[in-house]
């Protein structure tokens, strides 16, 4: 489903994987993480077995028995202990230190921590895990874990001191092991060329998660002949196309109880009207069927019944149409002044084009030209309600996503 929405992401992932492959071929020899006095392996990162073959599979953090989940400082290595990444889950006052636990960067299409900071190292570690079969995770014990400080008033300062200490400790780890250069994944996070591809992948992943969380689509649902709704920016507006034809069904007001009762009352009076039945009998005796029909069709006009006329006029005009409600919702969704054009949509009124063959689509012009993802959701909800679509699938063009996300 993700790749169906954004097919271009396949090339972005492939290009990023090739970049990391070249980095893995030239891993610098930093030596074992064991050069740290208290480093020890706490587990492994593996490809989630349910995600085998997926473009962006999740990682599974398999911890050794008895180990804590996320150490404050850690290293991720190849099976041969070549260091790939040094990270920390410790919060810091130093904004340059990205606090990120091992579990937070297990990634996938629905990442558990949906930030670019978490997704960037995930991609590098995921490519390494695919190449080497697994990655090792080491805890780098620095004494940070044992900090426990109170002031003279016995006020606990531990959290504050730890935030102060996290930055220098993280820097010292780099200085201890990276005397020449950063591990390849840490290094790639500062490489503009590499990060451009990562940022593009993250745009589509975050857009897809936003869409699915908003229940615009149901990712696991598969139906044949499903109505596919596509949003595409056009000059000065937005185009909404349908894979199957749609039409507007107008809602007409039903006959009210008052209307029915009033006409039954008048009919009852008419049945007792001797003048009316006298004329009917004369026509019937001469077999003048047209005359009889005429009397019945004009019964109220030609033969008013005794008493007051209590009939209620029936109104056959539509009190509310699907098209009216749809246009109101679009205008209400903060789009302000917009205009509509309907193509091959029977039942529509106003600017429209009807022709044989071809699918239906509509165009909205005005302030809806660059909708946000939330506004896209509101548009799609209005569309599915207006046309009674309960099993639809939505697709959003690359241009629409990029416009909605900007430089996110």
Protein backbone atom coordinates (compact mmCIF):
# COMPACT_ATOMS: atom_id res chain seq x y z
CA UNK A 1 0.00 0.00 0.00
CA UNK A 2 2.78 2.46 0.92
CA UNK A 3 4.60 1.90 -2.38
CA UNK A 4 1.32 2.15 -4.30
CA UNK A 5 0.81 5.63 -2.83
CA UNK A 6 4.38 6.80 -3.46
CA UNK A 7 6.05 4.62 -6.15
CA UNK A 8 8.97 7.05 -6.44
CA UNK A 9 10.15 6.07 -2.95
CA UNK A 10 11.53 2.79 -4.36
CA UNK A 11 14.27 4.69 -6.20
CA UNK A 12 15.05 6.85 -3.18
CA UNK A 13 15.50 3.78 -0.97
CA UNK A 14 17.59 2.03 -3.60
CA UNK A 15 19.88 5.06 -3.99
CA UNK A 16 20.29 5.39 -0.20
CA UNK A 17 21.07 1.68 0.11
CA UNK A 18 23.76 1.95 -2.57
CA UNK A 19 25.31 4.90 -0.72
CA UNK A 20 25.47 2.96 2.56
CA UNK A 21 26.80 -0.14 0.79
CA UNK A 22 29.76 1.91 -0.39
CA UNK A 23 30.31 3.08 3.21
CA UNK A 24 30.17 -0.47 4.55
CA UNK A 25 32.83 -1.57 2.06
CA UNK A 26 35.30 0.84 3.64
CA UNK A 27 34.61 0.49 7.34
CA UNK A 28 37.44 2.05 9.35
CA UNK A 29 39.06 -0.27 11.85
CA UNK A 30 38.16 1.26 15.19
CA UNK A 31 38.68 -2.00 17.03
CA UNK A 32 36.24 -3.76 19.28
CA UNK A 33 33.82 -1.81 21.51
CA UNK A 34 35.51 -3.83 24.26
CA UNK A 35 38.24 -1.20 24.29
CA UNK A 36 35.84 0.63 26.62
CA UNK A 37 36.48 -0.74 30.09
CA UNK A 38 32.86 -1.65 30.84
CA UNK A 39 31.33 -2.27 27.40
CA UNK A 40 29.33 -5.46 27.02
CA UNK A 41 26.94 -6.84 24.42
CA UNK A 42 23.27 -6.56 25.41
CA UNK A 43 21.56 -7.87 22.28
CA UNK A 44 21.16 -7.86 18.51
CA UNK A 45 19.17 -6.02 15.87
CA UNK A 46 17.45 -8.24 13.29
CA UNK A 47 15.01 -7.68 10.44
CA UNK A 48 11.49 -8.29 11.75
CA UNK A 49 10.49 -11.71 10.43
CA UNK A 50 7.04 -10.43 9.46
CA UNK A 51 8.61 -7.71 7.29
CA UNK A 52 10.89 -9.87 5.15
CA UNK A 53 10.85 -8.57 1.58
CA UNK A 54 9.34 -5.18 2.42
CA UNK A 55 10.94 -2.02 1.08
CA UNK A 56 11.30 -0.53 4.59
CA UNK A 57 11.19 -3.44 7.06
CA UNK A 58 11.03 -2.94 10.81
CA UNK A 59 13.95 -3.95 13.01
CA UNK A 60 13.60 -6.26 16.00
CA UNK A 61 15.74 -5.53 19.07
CA UNK A 62 16.49 -8.98 20.51
CA UNK A 63 17.89 -8.39 24.01
CA UNK A 64 20.06 -10.83 25.87
CA UNK A 65 18.42 -12.33 28.91
CA UNK A 66 18.57 -10.08 31.96
CA UNK A 67 19.71 -6.99 30.06
CA UNK A 68 17.99 -3.60 30.27
CA UNK A 69 16.17 -2.40 27.19
CA UNK A 70 17.86 0.88 26.38
CA UNK A 71 21.24 1.82 27.88
CA UNK A 72 22.01 5.55 28.14
CA UNK A 73 25.07 5.13 25.87
CA UNK A 74 25.50 2.36 23.31
CA UNK A 75 27.29 1.24 20.16
CA UNK A 76 25.90 -0.69 17.18
CA UNK A 77 28.39 -2.89 15.34
CA UNK A 78 28.67 -5.45 12.56
CA UNK A 79 28.80 -9.14 13.55
CA UNK A 80 32.61 -8.70 13.41
CA UNK A 81 32.44 -5.82 15.91
CA UNK A 82 33.20 -3.01 13.46
CA UNK A 83 31.50 0.03 14.96
CA UNK A 84 28.70 1.44 12.79
CA UNK A 85 27.01 3.88 15.15
CA UNK A 86 27.41 5.38 18.62
CA UNK A 87 24.22 6.66 20.21
CA UNK A 88 22.67 7.84 23.43
CA UNK A 89 19.21 7.71 24.96
CA UNK A 90 20.21 10.23 27.64
CA UNK A 91 18.46 13.63 27.52
CA UNK A 92 20.88 16.53 27.33
CA UNK A 93 20.91 20.32 27.55
CA UNK A 94 23.22 20.17 24.53
CA UNK A 95 20.88 20.52 21.53
CA UNK A 96 23.45 18.96 19.21
CA UNK A 97 23.10 15.63 21.03
CA UNK A 98 20.23 13.60 19.54
CA UNK A 99 18.73 11.58 22.36
CA UNK A 100 17.56 8.33 20.79
CA UNK A 101 17.14 4.89 22.32
CA UNK A 102 17.86 1.67 20.43
CA UNK A 103 14.17 0.71 20.47
CA UNK A 104 13.13 4.10 19.08
CA UNK A 105 14.87 3.55 15.76
CA UNK A 106 13.37 0.22 14.80
CA UNK A 107 11.62 2.13 12.01
CA UNK A 108 9.47 0.60 9.29
CA UNK A 109 6.64 2.31 7.42
CA UNK A 110 4.93 3.08 10.75
CA UNK A 111 7.91 4.07 12.92
CA UNK A 112 7.33 3.91 16.70
CA UNK A 113 8.97 7.33 17.08
CA UNK A 114 7.92 9.42 14.11
CA UNK A 115 10.69 11.98 13.94
CA UNK A 116 13.32 12.48 11.29
CA UNK A 117 16.01 12.24 13.98
CA UNK A 118 14.87 8.68 14.74
CA UNK A 119 14.33 7.64 11.13
CA UNK A 120 17.70 8.75 9.79
CA UNK A 121 19.89 6.32 11.80
CA UNK A 122 17.22 3.61 11.36
CA UNK A 123 17.84 3.61 7.61
CA UNK A 124 21.58 3.18 8.02
CA UNK A 125 21.23 0.42 10.63
CA UNK A 126 18.51 -1.29 8.57
CA UNK A 127 20.72 -1.38 5.47
CA UNK A 128 23.58 -2.74 7.58
CA UNK A 129 21.31 -5.42 9.09
CA UNK A 130 20.19 -6.48 5.61
CA UNK A 131 23.81 -6.67 4.43
CA UNK A 132 25.36 -8.43 7.43
CA UNK A 133 22.32 -10.45 8.59
CA UNK A 134 22.33 -8.80 12.01
CA UNK A 135 23.96 -6.05 14.05
CA UNK A 136 25.25 -6.26 17.60
CA UNK A 137 24.27 -3.79 20.31
CA UNK A 138 26.75 -2.91 23.08
CA UNK A 139 26.10 -0.97 26.25
CA UNK A 140 28.84 1.59 26.92
CA UNK A 141 28.81 1.93 30.70
CA UNK A 142 30.36 5.26 31.66
CA UNK A 143 29.36 5.83 35.28
CA UNK A 144 26.49 8.00 34.11
CA UNK A 145 24.14 5.34 35.41
CA UNK A 146 25.44 5.80 38.97
CA UNK A 147 25.03 9.58 39.24
CA UNK A 148 22.96 10.42 42.32
CA UNK A 149 23.42 13.94 43.70
CA UNK A 150 21.51 15.90 46.34
CA UNK A 151 22.21 19.43 47.50
CA UNK A 152 22.72 20.57 51.13
CA UNK A 153 18.95 20.74 51.55
CA UNK A 154 18.64 17.15 50.35
CA UNK A 155 17.02 18.32 47.13
CA UNK A 156 17.52 15.75 44.35
CA UNK A 157 19.65 17.26 41.57
CA UNK A 158 20.28 14.00 39.74
CA UNK A 159 18.15 14.70 36.65
CA UNK A 160 19.63 18.15 36.21
CA UNK A 161 23.22 16.94 36.62
CA UNK A 162 22.64 14.07 34.19
CA UNK A 163 21.41 16.49 31.54
CA UNK A 164 24.54 18.57 32.07
CA UNK A 165 26.81 15.51 31.91
CA UNK A 166 25.25 13.74 28.90
CA UNK A 167 26.85 16.02 26.29
CA UNK A 168 30.45 15.81 27.54
CA UNK A 169 30.18 12.04 28.08
CA UNK A 170 28.87 11.53 24.54
CA UNK A 171 31.70 13.67 23.16
CA UNK A 172 34.29 11.75 25.15
CA UNK A 173 33.05 8.47 23.65
CA UNK A 174 33.64 9.86 20.19
CA UNK A 175 37.09 11.06 21.16
CA UNK A 176 37.94 7.66 22.62
CA UNK A 177 37.02 5.60 19.63
CA UNK A 178 36.85 7.99 16.69
CA UNK A 179 40.36 9.36 16.68
CA UNK A 180 40.31 9.54 12.89
CA UNK A 181 36.67 9.86 11.81
CA UNK A 182 33.11 9.12 12.92
CA UNK A 183 31.53 5.69 12.51
CA UNK A 184 29.97 5.49 9.04
CA UNK A 185 26.32 5.91 10.12
CA UNK A 186 27.08 8.84 12.44
CA UNK A 187 29.15 10.34 9.64
CA UNK A 188 26.38 9.89 7.08
CA UNK A 189 23.97 11.85 9.27
CA UNK A 190 26.11 14.92 8.65
CA UNK A 191 26.59 14.22 4.93
CA UNK A 192 24.39 16.59 2.94
CA UNK A 193 24.14 14.30 -0.07
CA UNK A 194 23.11 11.30 2.01
CA UNK A 195 20.67 13.29 4.12
CA UNK A 196 18.89 14.73 1.07
CA UNK A 197 17.78 11.22 0.15
CA UNK A 198 16.88 10.42 3.77
CA UNK A 199 14.80 13.58 4.04
CA UNK A 200 12.84 12.66 0.91
CA UNK A 201 12.13 9.15 2.20
CA UNK A 202 11.06 10.60 5.55
CA UNK A 203 8.60 12.95 3.80
CA UNK A 204 6.72 10.04 2.28
CA UNK A 205 6.85 7.87 5.41
CA UNK A 206 5.53 10.66 7.65
CA UNK A 207 2.85 11.56 5.10
CA UNK A 208 1.70 7.94 4.89
CA UNK A 209 1.55 7.56 8.67
CA UNK A 210 -0.42 10.82 8.96
CA UNK A 211 -2.87 9.67 6.31
CA UNK A 212 -3.41 6.24 7.85
CA UNK A 213 -3.74 7.63 11.39
CA UNK A 214 -6.43 9.93 10.00
CA UNK A 215 -8.22 6.83 8.67
CA UNK A 216 -8.24 8.11 5.13
CA UNK A 217 -7.17 4.62 4.08
CA UNK A 218 -7.19 1.16 5.60
CA UNK A 219 -3.76 -0.26 4.67
CA UNK A 220 -4.68 -3.95 4.98
CA UNK A 221 -7.94 -3.77 3.08
CA UNK A 222 -7.94 -5.39 -0.36
CA UNK A 223 -11.01 -5.38 -2.60
CA UNK A 224 -11.46 -5.80 -6.32
CA UNK A 225 -12.92 -2.89 -8.31
CA UNK A 226 -12.38 -0.58 -5.39
CA UNK A 227 -13.08 3.07 -6.05
CA UNK A 228 -9.70 4.84 -6.21
CA UNK A 229 -9.78 8.56 -5.44
CA UNK A 230 -6.73 10.55 -6.52
CA UNK A 231 -5.80 14.09 -5.45
CA UNK A 232 -3.66 16.00 -7.93
CA UNK A 233 -2.68 19.70 -7.81
CA UNK A 234 -3.51 21.64 -10.98
CA UNK A 235 -2.91 25.25 -11.96
CA UNK A 236 -4.85 27.34 -9.47
CA UNK A 237 -6.62 24.44 -7.83
CA UNK A 238 -7.03 20.75 -7.07
CA UNK A 239 -8.26 17.84 -9.19
CA UNK A 240 -10.09 14.88 -7.65
CA UNK A 241 -10.42 11.93 -10.01
CA UNK A 242 -12.27 8.61 -9.64
CA UNK A 243 -11.36 5.22 -11.09
CA UNK A 244 -15.07 4.36 -11.40
CA UNK A 245 -17.83 6.74 -12.43
CA UNK A 246 -19.75 8.59 -9.74
CA UNK A 247 -22.99 10.57 -9.72
CA UNK A 248 -24.86 12.89 -7.40
CA UNK A 249 -28.08 11.46 -5.96
CA UNK A 250 -30.44 14.27 -4.90
CA UNK A 251 -32.42 13.94 -1.67
CA UNK A 252 -36.05 14.92 -2.22
CA UNK A 253 -38.38 15.62 0.66
CA UNK A 254 -40.79 12.70 1.25
CA UNK A 255 -44.56 13.14 1.50
CA UNK A 256 -45.32 14.38 4.97
CA UNK A 257 -47.96 12.84 7.22
CA UNK A 258 -49.82 16.16 7.08
CA UNK A 259 -49.93 16.06 3.28
CA UNK A 260 -51.24 12.50 3.17
CA UNK A 261 -53.88 13.15 5.83
CA UNK A 262 -55.16 16.29 4.11
CA UNK A 263 -55.61 14.58 0.77
CA UNK A 264 -57.31 11.55 2.30
CA UNK A 265 -59.80 13.97 3.92
CA UNK A 266 -60.54 15.67 0.59
CA UNK A 267 -60.87 12.34 -1.20
CA UNK A 268 -63.39 11.20 1.39
CA UNK A 269 -65.49 14.31 0.74
CA UNK A 270 -65.25 13.77 -2.99
CA UNK A 271 -66.46 10.17 -2.71
CA UNK A 272 -69.71 11.52 -1.16
CA UNK A 273 -70.21 14.23 -3.82
CA UNK A 274 -73.33 13.25 -5.81
CA UNK A 275 -72.67 15.78 -8.59
CA UNK A 276 -69.25 14.30 -9.28
CA UNK A 277 -70.49 10.71 -9.41
CA UNK A 278 -73.46 11.70 -11.53
CA UNK A 279 -71.11 13.04 -14.18
CA UNK A 280 -68.91 9.93 -13.93
CA UNK A 281 -71.88 7.62 -14.46
CA UNK A 282 -73.08 9.58 -17.52
CA UNK A 283 -69.61 9.41 -19.09
CA UNK A 284 -69.25 5.75 -18.25
CA UNK A 285 -72.61 4.91 -19.82
CA UNK A 286 -71.43 6.35 -23.12
CA UNK A 287 -68.01 4.68 -22.72
CA UNK A 288 -66.31 8.02 -22.98
CA UNK A 289 -63.14 6.91 -21.20
CA UNK A 290 -61.26 10.11 -21.96
CA UNK A 291 -64.01 12.15 -20.35
CA UNK A 292 -63.93 9.98 -17.23
CA UNK A 293 -60.16 10.38 -16.99
CA UNK A 294 -60.50 14.10 -17.39
CA UNK A 295 -63.00 14.30 -14.54
CA UNK A 296 -60.66 12.41 -12.25
CA UNK A 297 -57.59 14.43 -13.23
CA UNK A 298 -59.39 17.70 -12.61
CA UNK A 299 -61.53 16.53 -9.74
CA UNK A 300 -60.57 19.27 -7.34
CA UNK A 301 -60.71 22.04 -9.94
CA UNK A 302 -63.97 21.08 -11.68
CA UNK A 303 -65.82 19.65 -8.73
CA UNK A 304 -64.92 21.45 -5.53
CA UNK A 305 -66.13 19.51 -2.55
CA UNK A 306 -68.28 21.07 0.14
CA UNK A 307 -66.51 22.73 3.07
CA UNK A 308 -63.12 24.35 3.41
CA UNK A 309 -60.25 23.20 1.17
CA UNK A 310 -57.76 21.68 3.60
CA UNK A 311 -55.34 20.29 1.08
CA UNK A 312 -51.60 20.82 1.67
CA UNK A 313 -49.59 21.56 -1.45
CA UNK A 314 -46.89 19.02 -2.22
CA UNK A 315 -43.46 20.45 -2.91
CA UNK A 316 -41.34 18.29 -5.20
CA UNK A 317 -38.23 20.48 -5.05
CA UNK A 318 -35.09 19.05 -3.46
CA UNK A 319 -34.63 20.57 -0.02
CA UNK A 320 -30.99 19.42 0.20
CA UNK A 321 -28.80 17.84 -2.45
CA UNK A 322 -25.60 15.86 -2.08
CA UNK A 323 -23.90 18.40 -4.31
CA UNK A 324 -24.99 21.33 -2.15
CA UNK A 325 -23.79 19.63 1.02
CA UNK A 326 -20.47 18.71 -0.61
CA UNK A 327 -19.79 22.28 -1.74
CA UNK A 328 -20.70 23.66 1.70
CA UNK A 329 -18.22 21.30 3.40
CA UNK A 330 -15.41 22.25 1.02
CA UNK A 331 -16.01 25.96 1.57
CA UNK A 332 -16.23 25.44 5.33
CA UNK A 333 -12.88 23.62 5.46
CA UNK A 334 -11.13 27.02 5.59
CA UNK A 335 -10.84 27.23 1.80
CA UNK A 336 -12.97 30.37 1.52
CA UNK A 337 -13.71 31.37 -2.06
CA UNK A 338 -13.66 28.34 -4.33
CA UNK A 339 -15.39 27.34 -7.54
CA UNK A 340 -16.22 23.88 -8.89
CA UNK A 341 -16.16 22.15 -12.27
CA UNK A 342 -17.71 18.69 -12.67
CA UNK A 343 -16.66 16.36 -15.49
CA UNK A 344 -18.65 13.26 -16.36
CA UNK A 345 -20.61 13.37 -13.09
CA UNK A 346 -24.35 12.89 -13.75
CA UNK A 347 -26.68 14.73 -11.38
CA UNK A 348 -24.30 17.67 -10.97
CA UNK A 349 -25.44 21.22 -11.63
CA UNK A 350 -23.46 24.32 -12.52
CA UNK A 351 -20.28 24.24 -14.62
CA UNK A 352 -20.09 20.68 -15.87
CA UNK A 353 -19.15 18.48 -18.81
CA UNK A 354 -20.89 15.20 -19.60
CA UNK A 355 -19.67 12.77 -22.23
CA UNK A 356 -19.83 9.07 -23.04
CA UNK A 357 -16.90 7.05 -21.84
CA UNK A 358 -14.10 8.12 -19.54
CA UNK A 359 -14.04 8.38 -15.77
CA UNK A 360 -15.46 11.04 -13.50
CA UNK A 361 -13.47 13.85 -11.96
CA UNK A 362 -14.03 17.26 -10.46
CA UNK A 363 -11.87 20.33 -10.18
CA UNK A 364 -11.85 22.87 -7.35
CA UNK A 365 -10.34 26.27 -8.03
CA UNK A 366 -9.36 28.96 -5.55
CA UNK A 367 -7.78 28.85 -2.12
CA UNK A 368 -7.60 25.03 -2.04
CA UNK A 369 -4.63 24.92 -4.42
CA UNK A 370 -2.12 23.81 -1.73
CA UNK A 371 -4.04 21.91 0.97
CA UNK A 372 -2.36 20.53 4.08
CA UNK A 373 -2.65 16.81 4.87
CA UNK A 374 -5.41 17.61 7.36
CA UNK A 375 -7.28 19.60 4.73
CA UNK A 376 -6.83 16.72 2.27
CA UNK A 377 -8.50 14.47 4.83
CA UNK A 378 -11.44 16.90 5.11
CA UNK A 379 -11.76 17.03 1.31
CA UNK A 380 -11.74 13.23 1.02
CA UNK A 381 -14.31 12.84 3.79
CA UNK A 382 -16.58 15.29 1.95
CA UNK A 383 -16.06 13.39 -1.33
CA UNK A 384 -16.80 9.93 0.10
CA UNK A 385 -19.95 11.23 1.82
CA UNK A 386 -21.21 13.06 -1.28
CA UNK A 387 -20.86 10.04 -3.55
CA UNK A 388 -21.62 7.31 -1.00
CA UNK A 389 -18.16 5.72 -1.25
CA UNK A 390 -17.62 3.31 1.64
CA UNK A 391 -14.85 1.10 0.24
CA UNK A 392 -12.64 3.67 -1.42
CA UNK A 393 -8.89 3.89 -1.60
CA UNK A 394 -7.08 7.22 -1.84
CA UNK A 395 -3.93 8.19 -3.64
CA UNK A 396 -2.15 11.49 -3.27
CA UNK A 397 0.24 12.70 -5.93
CA UNK A 398 3.87 13.45 -5.19
CA UNK A 399 3.27 17.14 -5.86
CA UNK A 400 0.43 17.26 -3.33
CA UNK A 401 2.50 15.60 -0.60
CA UNK A 402 5.53 17.78 -1.19
CA UNK A 403 3.33 20.89 -1.17
CA UNK A 404 1.63 19.80 2.07
CA UNK A 405 4.82 18.88 3.89
CA UNK A 406 6.99 21.70 2.58
CA UNK A 407 10.43 21.29 4.10
CA UNK A 408 9.24 19.19 7.03
